[in-house]
Amino acid sequence: MIYKFFRLKKVYKFCLIFLIVFLNAFLTFEISKLSNPILAAGLIGLINSLILKEYAILSFIAAFIGMSSQPVLFSYFLILLSSFFAIIFWIILRKAPKLGGKAGTIAFLSIIFTNLFRIFKLEILKIQTIELIYLFPSFLTSIFFLFLTVLIREKVRNLKSNAVFASSLIGILWGSIIFFIPIEFLPQISFAASFAGMTSLNLIKNKVNYSILTGFLMTFFFFIFSSIFIGFGGKLGFIAFVANYFTFLLEKKLELNTLKTNSR
């Protein structure tokens, strides 16, 4: 009897999570049509970080799904299917290292799996030229907003959903600014930087060094991936995750080299 109860409880929780993910993905997608994906995701993230604190990260994953373009999610059934895949990937990757961008990566994978049957019909490759003059401002923007995200999180550390809260604030800021500036990729880089800053605070030893290295890497990978998977929600989070992975890989290598040097 007890075994059956726990099984029913798990089914109930799965249905609740699925409902939360689908509704937030749907709302983000619809709000994006009236404004832009960055502002929509920021609003959804902020509301959920204050109201549904326990499920804030799942709501943010849903928001990343909803950031997809209309050609990528051309029907509500695809939003439904993406929500299902997102929960599956969330369960699989739940115990993976808490690196910033993991939530976006989950959304990105769910969008790819949803569109596998028509992946070659989509415009997944579109060469975009970016003038070299924008590279330096992009690096500075990325580093600054990554640092700002970590700083905000430290100030509201007691808030369970502080990572979603901080990133959402950056999203709302740039989602509003995007109406007034012609350079579209700066808001994207800034929002992606806030995803990178969602890394567990326990893993960040020095926020200045971390922001500089990860911000630099994130901008580098942003320009590499900017021409592929156009309109796929979660791509910015995936870029942030890759940057974080290389950051901690480099830090680990430096630590090992230091230990070898000291042991001589």
C-alpha atoms as a PDB file:
ATOM      1  CA  MET A   1       0.000   0.000   0.000  1.00  0.00           C
ATOM      2  CA  ILE A   2       2.817   2.403   0.951  1.00  0.00           C
ATOM      3  CA  TYR A   3       4.684   1.459  -2.259  1.00  0.00           C
ATOM      4  CA  LYS A   4       1.614   2.313  -4.331  1.00  0.00           C
ATOM      5  CA  PHE A   5       1.247   5.627  -2.507  1.00  0.00           C
ATOM      6  CA  PHE A   6       4.797   6.679  -3.351  1.00  0.00           C
ATOM      7  CA  ARG A   7       4.332   5.631  -6.954  1.00  0.00           C
ATOM      8  CA  LEU A   8       1.170   7.721  -7.207  1.00  0.00           C
ATOM      9  CA  LYS A   9       2.977  10.597  -5.526  1.00  0.00           C
ATOM     10  CA  LYS A  10       5.732  10.473  -8.166  1.00  0.00           C
ATOM     11  CA  VAL A  11       3.187  10.404 -10.994  1.00  0.00           C
ATOM     12  CA  TYR A  12       1.396  13.377  -9.450  1.00  0.00           C
ATOM     13  CA  LYS A  13       4.654  15.325  -9.116  1.00  0.00           C
ATOM     14  CA  PHE A  14       5.628  14.534 -12.719  1.00  0.00           C
ATOM     15  CA  CYS A  15       2.241  15.797 -13.938  1.00  0.00           C
ATOM     16  CA  LEU A  16       2.607  18.958 -11.842  1.00  0.00           C
ATOM     17  CA  ILE A  17       6.105  19.627 -13.200  1.00  0.00           C
ATOM     18  CA  PHE A  18       4.936  18.949 -16.752  1.00  0.00           C
ATOM     19  CA  LEU A  19       2.084  21.428 -16.315  1.00  0.00           C
ATOM     20  CA  ILE A  20       4.459  24.084 -14.919  1.00  0.00           C
ATOM     21  CA  VAL A  21       6.954  23.609 -17.754  1.00  0.00           C
ATOM     22  CA  PHE A  22       4.343  23.597 -20.509  1.00  0.00           C
ATOM     23  CA  LEU A  23       2.464  26.651 -19.206  1.00  0.00           C
ATOM     24  CA  ASN A  24       5.629  28.709 -18.753  1.00  0.00           C
ATOM     25  CA  ALA A  25       6.979  27.691 -22.170  1.00  0.00           C
ATOM     26  CA  PHE A  26       3.634  28.582 -23.733  1.00  0.00           C
ATOM     27  CA  LEU A  27       3.447  31.944 -21.921  1.00  0.00           C
ATOM     28  CA  THR A  28       7.027  32.859 -22.873  1.00  0.00           C
ATOM     29  CA  PHE A  29       6.348  31.948 -26.505  1.00  0.00           C
ATOM     30  CA  GLU A  30       3.205  34.096 -26.601  1.00  0.00           C
ATOM     31  CA  ILE A  31       4.734  37.058 -24.744  1.00  0.00           C
ATOM     32  CA  SER A  32       7.684  36.912 -27.167  1.00  0.00           C
ATOM     33  CA  LYS A  33       5.320  37.641 -30.045  1.00  0.00           C
ATOM     34  CA  LEU A  34       4.214  40.859 -28.328  1.00  0.00           C
ATOM     35  CA  SER A  35       7.685  41.941 -27.172  1.00  0.00           C
ATOM     36  CA  ASN A  36      10.875  39.893 -27.649  1.00  0.00           C
ATOM     37  CA  PRO A  37      12.187  36.524 -26.339  1.00  0.00           C
ATOM     38  CA  ILE A  38      14.672  38.046 -23.876  1.00  0.00           C
ATOM     39  CA  LEU A  39      12.099  40.239 -22.150  1.00  0.00           C
ATOM     40  CA  ALA A  40       9.551  37.403 -22.124  1.00  0.00           C
ATOM     41  CA  ALA A  41      11.988  34.926 -20.540  1.00  0.00           C
ATOM     42  CA  GLY A  42      13.107  37.533 -18.011  1.00  0.00           C
ATOM     43  CA  LEU A  43       9.543  38.263 -16.912  1.00  0.00           C
ATOM     44  CA  ILE A  44       8.613  34.583 -16.609  1.00  0.00           C
ATOM     45  CA  GLY A  45      11.829  33.838 -14.712  1.00  0.00           C
ATOM     46  CA  LEU A  46      11.388  36.718 -12.280  1.00  0.00           C
ATOM     47  CA  ILE A  47       7.752  35.893 -11.479  1.00  0.00           C
ATOM     48  CA  ASN A  48       8.532  32.233 -10.864  1.00  0.00           C
ATOM     49  CA  SER A  49      11.647  32.990  -8.812  1.00  0.00           C
ATOM     50  CA  LEU A  50       9.444  34.932  -6.386  1.00  0.00           C
ATOM     51  CA  ILE A  51       6.301  32.780  -6.438  1.00  0.00           C
ATOM     52  CA  LEU A  52       7.240  29.200  -7.402  1.00  0.00           C
ATOM     53  CA  LYS A  53      10.683  29.220  -5.778  1.00  0.00           C
ATOM     54  CA  GLU A  54      10.923  25.420  -5.602  1.00  0.00           C
ATOM     55  CA  TYR A  55      10.230  25.085  -9.323  1.00  0.00           C
ATOM     56  CA  ALA A  56      11.920  28.295 -10.502  1.00  0.00           C
ATOM     57  CA  ILE A  57      14.687  26.513 -12.414  1.00  0.00           C
ATOM     58  CA  LEU A  58      12.135  24.338 -14.231  1.00  0.00           C
ATOM     59  CA  SER A  59      10.165  27.449 -15.107  1.00  0.00           C
ATOM     60  CA  PHE A  60      13.340  29.019 -16.487  1.00  0.00           C
ATOM     61  CA  ILE A  61      14.017  25.906 -18.587  1.00  0.00           C
ATOM     62  CA  ALA A  62      10.471  26.322 -19.885  1.00  0.00           C
ATOM     63  CA  ALA A  63      11.146  29.996 -20.647  1.00  0.00           C
ATOM     64  CA  PHE A  64      14.173  28.994 -22.721  1.00  0.00           C
ATOM     65  CA  ILE A  65      11.972  26.615 -24.712  1.00  0.00           C
ATOM     66  CA  GLY A  66       9.522  29.464 -25.284  1.00  0.00           C
ATOM     67  CA  MET A  67      12.333  31.673 -26.609  1.00  0.00           C
ATOM     68  CA  SER A  68      12.388  29.567 -29.781  1.00  0.00           C
ATOM     69  CA  SER A  69      11.324  31.197 -33.029  1.00  0.00           C
ATOM     70  CA  GLN A  70       7.958  30.420 -34.634  1.00  0.00           C
ATOM     71  CA  PRO A  71       9.489  28.332 -37.472  1.00  0.00           C
ATOM     72  CA  VAL A  72      11.154  26.135 -34.811  1.00  0.00           C
ATOM     73  CA  LEU A  73       8.008  25.778 -32.654  1.00  0.00           C
ATOM     74  CA  PHE A  74       5.290  26.177 -35.242  1.00  0.00           C
ATOM     75  CA  SER A  75       2.559  24.461 -33.197  1.00  0.00           C
ATOM     76  CA  TYR A  76       1.495  24.120 -29.583  1.00  0.00           C
ATOM     77  CA  PHE A  77       1.989  20.368 -29.882  1.00  0.00           C
ATOM     78  CA  LEU A  78       5.731  20.987 -30.365  1.00  0.00           C
ATOM     79  CA  ILE A  79       5.780  23.117 -27.205  1.00  0.00           C
ATOM     80  CA  LEU A  80       4.060  20.223 -25.436  1.00  0.00           C
ATOM     81  CA  LEU A  81       6.587  17.733 -26.803  1.00  0.00           C
ATOM     82  CA  SER A  82       9.540  19.978 -25.948  1.00  0.00           C
ATOM     83  CA  SER A  83       8.234  20.299 -22.388  1.00  0.00           C
ATOM     84  CA  PHE A  84       8.138  16.513 -22.062  1.00  0.00           C
ATOM     85  CA  PHE A  85      11.702  16.114 -23.381  1.00  0.00           C
ATOM     86  CA  ALA A  86      12.893  18.911 -21.083  1.00  0.00           C
ATOM     87  CA  ILE A  87      11.642  17.063 -17.997  1.00  0.00           C
ATOM     88  CA  ILE A  88      13.310  13.836 -19.157  1.00  0.00           C
ATOM     89  CA  PHE A  89      16.646  15.610 -19.685  1.00  0.00           C
ATOM     90  CA  TRP A  90      16.232  17.438 -16.376  1.00  0.00           C
ATOM     91  CA  ILE A  91      15.826  14.091 -14.576  1.00  0.00           C
ATOM     92  CA  ILE A  92      18.876  12.665 -16.388  1.00  0.00           C
ATOM     93  CA  LEU A  93      21.127  15.707 -15.797  1.00  0.00           C
ATOM     94  CA  ARG A  94      19.789  16.681 -12.404  1.00  0.00           C
ATOM     95  CA  LYS A  95      22.920  15.533 -10.560  1.00  0.00           C
ATOM     96  CA  ALA A  96      25.352  16.923 -13.123  1.00  0.00           C
ATOM     97  CA  PRO A  97      27.688  19.709 -11.883  1.00  0.00           C
ATOM     98  CA  LYS A  98      25.809  22.942 -11.175  1.00  0.00           C
ATOM     99  CA  LEU A  99      27.423  24.955 -13.939  1.00  0.00           C
ATOM    100  CA  GLY A 100      25.666  28.000 -15.338  1.00  0.00           C
ATOM    101  CA  GLY A 101      23.910  27.241 -18.596  1.00  0.00           C
ATOM    102  CA  LYS A 102      22.795  23.741 -17.623  1.00  0.00           C
ATOM    103  CA  ALA A 103      19.139  24.800 -17.671  1.00  0.00           C
ATOM    104  CA  GLY A 104      19.549  26.300 -21.135  1.00  0.00           C
ATOM    105  CA  THR A 105      21.354  23.184 -22.337  1.00  0.00           C
ATOM    106  CA  ILE A 106      18.400  21.065 -21.214  1.00  0.00           C
ATOM    107  CA  ALA A 107      16.025  23.329 -23.143  1.00  0.00           C
ATOM    108  CA  PHE A 108      18.330  23.287 -26.185  1.00  0.00           C
ATOM    109  CA  LEU A 109      18.464  19.470 -26.210  1.00  0.00           C
ATOM    110  CA  SER A 110      14.690  19.256 -25.860  1.00  0.00           C
ATOM    111  CA  ILE A 111      14.205  21.576 -28.869  1.00  0.00           C
ATOM    112  CA  ILE A 112      16.648  19.530 -30.953  1.00  0.00           C
ATOM    113  CA  PHE A 113      14.906  16.249 -30.087  1.00  0.00           C
ATOM    114  CA  THR A 114      11.510  17.796 -30.794  1.00  0.00           C
ATOM    115  CA  ASN A 115      12.669  18.826 -34.270  1.00  0.00           C
ATOM    116  CA  LEU A 116      14.690  15.734 -35.176  1.00  0.00           C
ATOM    117  CA  PHE A 117      12.093  14.592 -37.710  1.00  0.00           C
ATOM    118  CA  ARG A 118      12.412  17.836 -39.672  1.00  0.00           C
ATOM    119  CA  ILE A 119      15.860  19.099 -38.702  1.00  0.00           C
ATOM    120  CA  PHE A 120      17.015  19.411 -42.320  1.00  0.00           C
ATOM    121  CA  LYS A 121      13.948  21.430 -43.271  1.00  0.00           C
ATOM    122  CA  LEU A 122      14.878  24.154 -40.800  1.00  0.00           C
ATOM    123  CA  GLU A 123      17.365  26.919 -41.473  1.00  0.00           C
ATOM    124  CA  ILE A 124      19.889  25.665 -38.911  1.00  0.00           C
ATOM    125  CA  LEU A 125      22.812  27.361 -40.654  1.00  0.00           C
ATOM    126  CA  LYS A 126      22.795  31.044 -41.516  1.00  0.00           C
ATOM    127  CA  ILE A 127      26.139  32.776 -41.873  1.00  0.00           C
ATOM    128  CA  GLN A 128      26.166  36.016 -39.914  1.00  0.00           C
ATOM    129  CA  THR A 129      28.997  38.496 -40.270  1.00  0.00           C
ATOM    130  CA  ILE A 130      29.976  40.477 -37.204  1.00  0.00           C
ATOM    131  CA  GLU A 131      32.318  43.442 -37.557  1.00  0.00           C
ATOM    132  CA  LEU A 132      35.565  43.240 -35.598  1.00  0.00           C
ATOM    133  CA  ILE A 133      34.838  46.630 -34.054  1.00  0.00           C
ATOM    134  CA  TYR A 134      32.129  44.982 -31.932  1.00  0.00           C
ATOM    135  CA  LEU A 135      34.377  42.286 -30.448  1.00  0.00           C
ATOM    136  CA  PHE A 136      35.916  44.365 -27.657  1.00  0.00           C
ATOM    137  CA  PRO A 137      32.579  45.866 -26.480  1.00  0.00           C
ATOM    138  CA  SER A 138      31.130  42.338 -26.574  1.00  0.00           C
ATOM    139  CA  PHE A 139      33.872  40.988 -24.302  1.00  0.00           C
ATOM    140  CA  LEU A 140      33.422  43.861 -21.853  1.00  0.00           C
ATOM    141  CA  THR A 141      29.627  43.480 -21.863  1.00  0.00           C
ATOM    142  CA  SER A 142      29.846  39.747 -21.246  1.00  0.00           C
ATOM    143  CA  ILE A 143      32.336  40.087 -18.390  1.00  0.00           C
ATOM    144  CA  PHE A 144      30.401  42.919 -16.728  1.00  0.00           C
ATOM    145  CA  PHE A 145      26.976  41.228 -16.774  1.00  0.00           C
ATOM    146  CA  LEU A 146      28.402  37.901 -15.694  1.00  0.00           C
ATOM    147  CA  PHE A 147      30.037  39.625 -12.727  1.00  0.00           C
ATOM    148  CA  LEU A 148      26.822  41.570 -12.014  1.00  0.00           C
ATOM    149  CA  THR A 149      24.777  38.344 -12.007  1.00  0.00           C
ATOM    150  CA  VAL A 150      27.107  36.728  -9.458  1.00  0.00           C
ATOM    151  CA  LEU A 151      27.101  39.933  -7.370  1.00  0.00           C
ATOM    152  CA  ILE A 152      23.275  40.096  -7.296  1.00  0.00           C
ATOM    153  CA  ARG A 153      23.138  36.430  -6.296  1.00  0.00           C
ATOM    154  CA  GLU A 154      25.485  37.063  -3.388  1.00  0.00           C
ATOM    155  CA  LYS A 155      23.258  39.918  -2.196  1.00  0.00           C
ATOM    156  CA  VAL A 156      20.140  37.699  -2.270  1.00  0.00           C
ATOM    157  CA  ARG A 157      21.880  34.453  -1.304  1.00  0.00           C
ATOM    158  CA  ASN A 158      19.064  33.549   1.101  1.00  0.00           C
ATOM    159  CA  LEU A 159      16.589  33.464  -1.789  1.00  0.00           C
ATOM    160  CA  LYS A 160      16.336  29.822  -2.860  1.00  0.00           C
ATOM    161  CA  SER A 161      15.945  30.791  -6.498  1.00  0.00           C
ATOM    162  CA  ASN A 162      18.657  33.500  -6.459  1.00  0.00           C
ATOM    163  CA  ALA A 163      20.237  32.286  -9.728  1.00  0.00           C
ATOM    164  CA  VAL A 164      16.963  32.560 -11.656  1.00  0.00           C
ATOM    165  CA  PHE A 165      16.149  35.859  -9.935  1.00  0.00           C
ATOM    166  CA  ALA A 166      19.482  37.495 -10.876  1.00  0.00           C
ATOM    167  CA  SER A 167      19.491  36.238 -14.461  1.00  0.00           C
ATOM    168  CA  SER A 168      15.885  37.339 -14.936  1.00  0.00           C
ATOM    169  CA  LEU A 169      16.723  40.889 -13.884  1.00  0.00           C
ATOM    170  CA  ILE A 170      19.413  41.030 -16.584  1.00  0.00           C
ATOM    171  CA  GLY A 171      16.901  39.634 -19.080  1.00  0.00           C
ATOM    172  CA  ILE A 172      14.280  42.266 -18.251  1.00  0.00           C
ATOM    173  CA  LEU A 173      16.885  45.031 -18.455  1.00  0.00           C
ATOM    174  CA  TRP A 174      18.172  44.012 -21.893  1.00  0.00           C
ATOM    175  CA  GLY A 175      14.750  42.918 -23.099  1.00  0.00           C
ATOM    176  CA  SER A 176      13.675  46.532 -22.562  1.00  0.00           C
ATOM    177  CA  ILE A 177      16.844  48.096 -23.998  1.00  0.00           C
ATOM    178  CA  ILE A 178      16.620  45.995 -27.163  1.00  0.00           C
ATOM    179  CA  PHE A 179      13.779  48.240 -28.388  1.00  0.00           C
ATOM    180  CA  PHE A 180      16.163  51.186 -28.532  1.00  0.00           C
ATOM    181  CA  ILE A 181      19.482  49.773 -29.792  1.00  0.00           C
ATOM    182  CA  PRO A 182      20.169  48.369 -33.264  1.00  0.00           C
ATOM    183  CA  ILE A 183      22.861  45.849 -32.198  1.00  0.00           C
ATOM    184  CA  GLU A 184      20.833  42.701 -31.585  1.00  0.00           C
ATOM    185  CA  PHE A 185      23.645  40.435 -30.394  1.00  0.00           C
ATOM    186  CA  LEU A 186      24.636  42.617 -27.388  1.00  0.00           C
ATOM    187  CA  PRO A 187      21.402  41.807 -25.485  1.00  0.00           C
ATOM    188  CA  GLN A 188      21.910  38.133 -26.396  1.00  0.00           C
ATOM    189  CA  ILE A 189      25.489  38.139 -25.116  1.00  0.00           C
ATOM    190  CA  SER A 190      24.420  39.898 -21.904  1.00  0.00           C
ATOM    191  CA  PHE A 191      21.609  37.411 -21.255  1.00  0.00           C
ATOM    192  CA  ALA A 192      23.912  34.489 -22.043  1.00  0.00           C
ATOM    193  CA  ALA A 193      26.453  35.960 -19.602  1.00  0.00           C
ATOM    194  CA  SER A 194      23.780  35.958 -16.897  1.00  0.00           C
ATOM    195  CA  PHE A 195      23.222  32.232 -17.580  1.00  0.00           C
ATOM    196  CA  ALA A 196      26.937  31.607 -17.116  1.00  0.00           C
ATOM    197  CA  GLY A 197      26.671  33.459 -13.807  1.00  0.00           C
ATOM    198  CA  MET A 198      24.104  30.928 -12.571  1.00  0.00           C
ATOM    199  CA  THR A 199      26.962  28.573 -11.621  1.00  0.00           C
ATOM    200  CA  SER A 200      26.798  27.389  -8.019  1.00  0.00           C
ATOM    201  CA  LEU A 201      28.370  30.052  -5.779  1.00  0.00           C
ATOM    202  CA  ASN A 202      30.252  27.295  -3.976  1.00  0.00           C
ATOM    203  CA  LEU A 203      32.198  26.587  -7.179  1.00  0.00           C
ATOM    204  CA  ILE A 204      33.262  30.213  -7.727  1.00  0.00           C
ATOM    205  CA  LYS A 205      36.480  30.905  -5.807  1.00  0.00           C
ATOM    206  CA  ASN A 206      37.131  34.403  -7.109  1.00  0.00           C
ATOM    207  CA  LYS A 207      34.260  36.155  -8.869  1.00  0.00           C
ATOM    208  CA  VAL A 208      36.497  38.670 -10.668  1.00  0.00           C
ATOM    209  CA  ASN A 209      38.817  36.054 -12.183  1.00  0.00           C
ATOM    210  CA  TYR A 210      35.870  33.787 -12.909  1.00  0.00           C
ATOM    211  CA  SER A 211      33.934  36.589 -14.655  1.00  0.00           C
ATOM    212  CA  ILE A 212      36.894  37.619 -16.807  1.00  0.00           C
ATOM    213  CA  LEU A 213      37.807  34.115 -17.970  1.00  0.00           C
ATOM    214  CA  THR A 214      34.261  32.817 -18.426  1.00  0.00           C
ATOM    215  CA  GLY A 215      33.065  36.079 -19.983  1.00  0.00           C
ATOM    216  CA  PHE A 216      35.882  35.955 -22.512  1.00  0.00           C
ATOM    217  CA  LEU A 217      35.238  32.295 -23.351  1.00  0.00           C
ATOM    218  CA  MET A 218      31.482  32.809 -23.532  1.00  0.00           C
ATOM    219  CA  THR A 219      31.796  35.644 -26.039  1.00  0.00           C
ATOM    220  CA  PHE A 220      34.244  33.568 -28.075  1.00  0.00           C
ATOM    221  CA  PHE A 221      31.830  30.621 -28.231  1.00  0.00           C
ATOM    222  CA  PHE A 222      28.902  32.940 -28.886  1.00  0.00           C
ATOM    223  CA  PHE A 223      30.474  34.146 -32.126  1.00  0.00           C
ATOM    224  CA  ILE A 224      31.366  30.560 -33.105  1.00  0.00           C
ATOM    225  CA  PHE A 225      27.812  29.266 -32.573  1.00  0.00           C
ATOM    226  CA  SER A 226      25.994  32.400 -33.754  1.00  0.00           C
ATOM    227  CA  SER A 227      25.490  31.028 -37.266  1.00  0.00           C
ATOM    228  CA  ILE A 228      24.063  27.619 -36.335  1.00  0.00           C
ATOM    229  CA  PHE A 229      20.743  26.484 -34.876  1.00  0.00           C
ATOM    230  CA  ILE A 230      19.119  29.837 -35.530  1.00  0.00           C
ATOM    231  CA  GLY A 231      15.974  30.345 -33.458  1.00  0.00           C
ATOM    232  CA  PHE A 232      16.545  27.319 -31.188  1.00  0.00           C
ATOM    233  CA  GLY A 233      15.596  28.101 -27.594  1.00  0.00           C
ATOM    234  CA  GLY A 234      18.265  27.291 -25.031  1.00  0.00           C
ATOM    235  CA  LYS A 235      21.198  27.904 -27.383  1.00  0.00           C
ATOM    236  CA  LEU A 236      22.447  30.836 -25.306  1.00  0.00           C
ATOM    237  CA  GLY A 237      22.389  28.638 -22.211  1.00  0.00           C
ATOM    238  CA  PHE A 238      24.282  25.912 -24.059  1.00  0.00           C
ATOM    239  CA  ILE A 239      26.973  28.457 -25.028  1.00  0.00           C
ATOM    240  CA  ALA A 240      27.207  29.565 -21.383  1.00  0.00           C
ATOM    241  CA  PHE A 241      27.506  25.943 -20.241  1.00  0.00           C
ATOM    242  CA  VAL A 242      30.326  25.220 -22.724  1.00  0.00           C
ATOM    243  CA  ALA A 243      32.172  28.350 -21.555  1.00  0.00           C
ATOM    244  CA  ASN A 244      31.801  27.318 -17.921  1.00  0.00           C
ATOM    245  CA  TYR A 245      32.990  23.800 -18.672  1.00  0.00           C
ATOM    246  CA  PHE A 246      36.190  25.133 -20.239  1.00  0.00           C
ATOM    247  CA  THR A 247      36.671  27.609 -17.389  1.00  0.00           C
ATOM    248  CA  PHE A 248      36.653  24.894 -14.733  1.00  0.00           C
ATOM    249  CA  LEU A 249      38.704  22.607 -16.971  1.00  0.00           C
ATOM    250  CA  LEU A 250      41.400  25.296 -17.236  1.00  0.00           C
ATOM    251  CA  GLU A 251      41.232  26.018 -13.501  1.00  0.00           C
ATOM    252  CA  LYS A 252      41.640  22.320 -12.730  1.00  0.00           C
ATOM    253  CA  LYS A 253      44.629  22.101 -15.035  1.00  0.00           C
ATOM    254  CA  LEU A 254      46.239  25.153 -13.415  1.00  0.00           C
ATOM    255  CA  GLU A 255      45.714  23.640  -9.949  1.00  0.00           C
ATOM    256  CA  LEU A 256      47.362  20.382 -11.026  1.00  0.00           C
ATOM    257  CA  ASN A 257      50.301  22.243 -12.544  1.00  0.00           C
ATOM    258  CA  THR A 258      50.707  24.263  -9.337  1.00  0.00           C
ATOM    259  CA  LEU A 259      50.678  21.103  -7.231  1.00  0.00           C
ATOM    260  CA  LYS A 260      53.322  19.503  -9.473  1.00  0.00           C
ATOM    261  CA  THR A 261      55.497  22.612  -9.253  1.00  0.00           C
ATOM    262  CA  ASN A 262      55.212  22.793  -5.446  1.00  0.00           C
ATOM    263  CA  SER A 263      55.964  19.094  -5.040  1.00  0.00           C
ATOM    264  CA  ARG A 264      59.340  19.418  -6.791  1.00  0.00           C
END
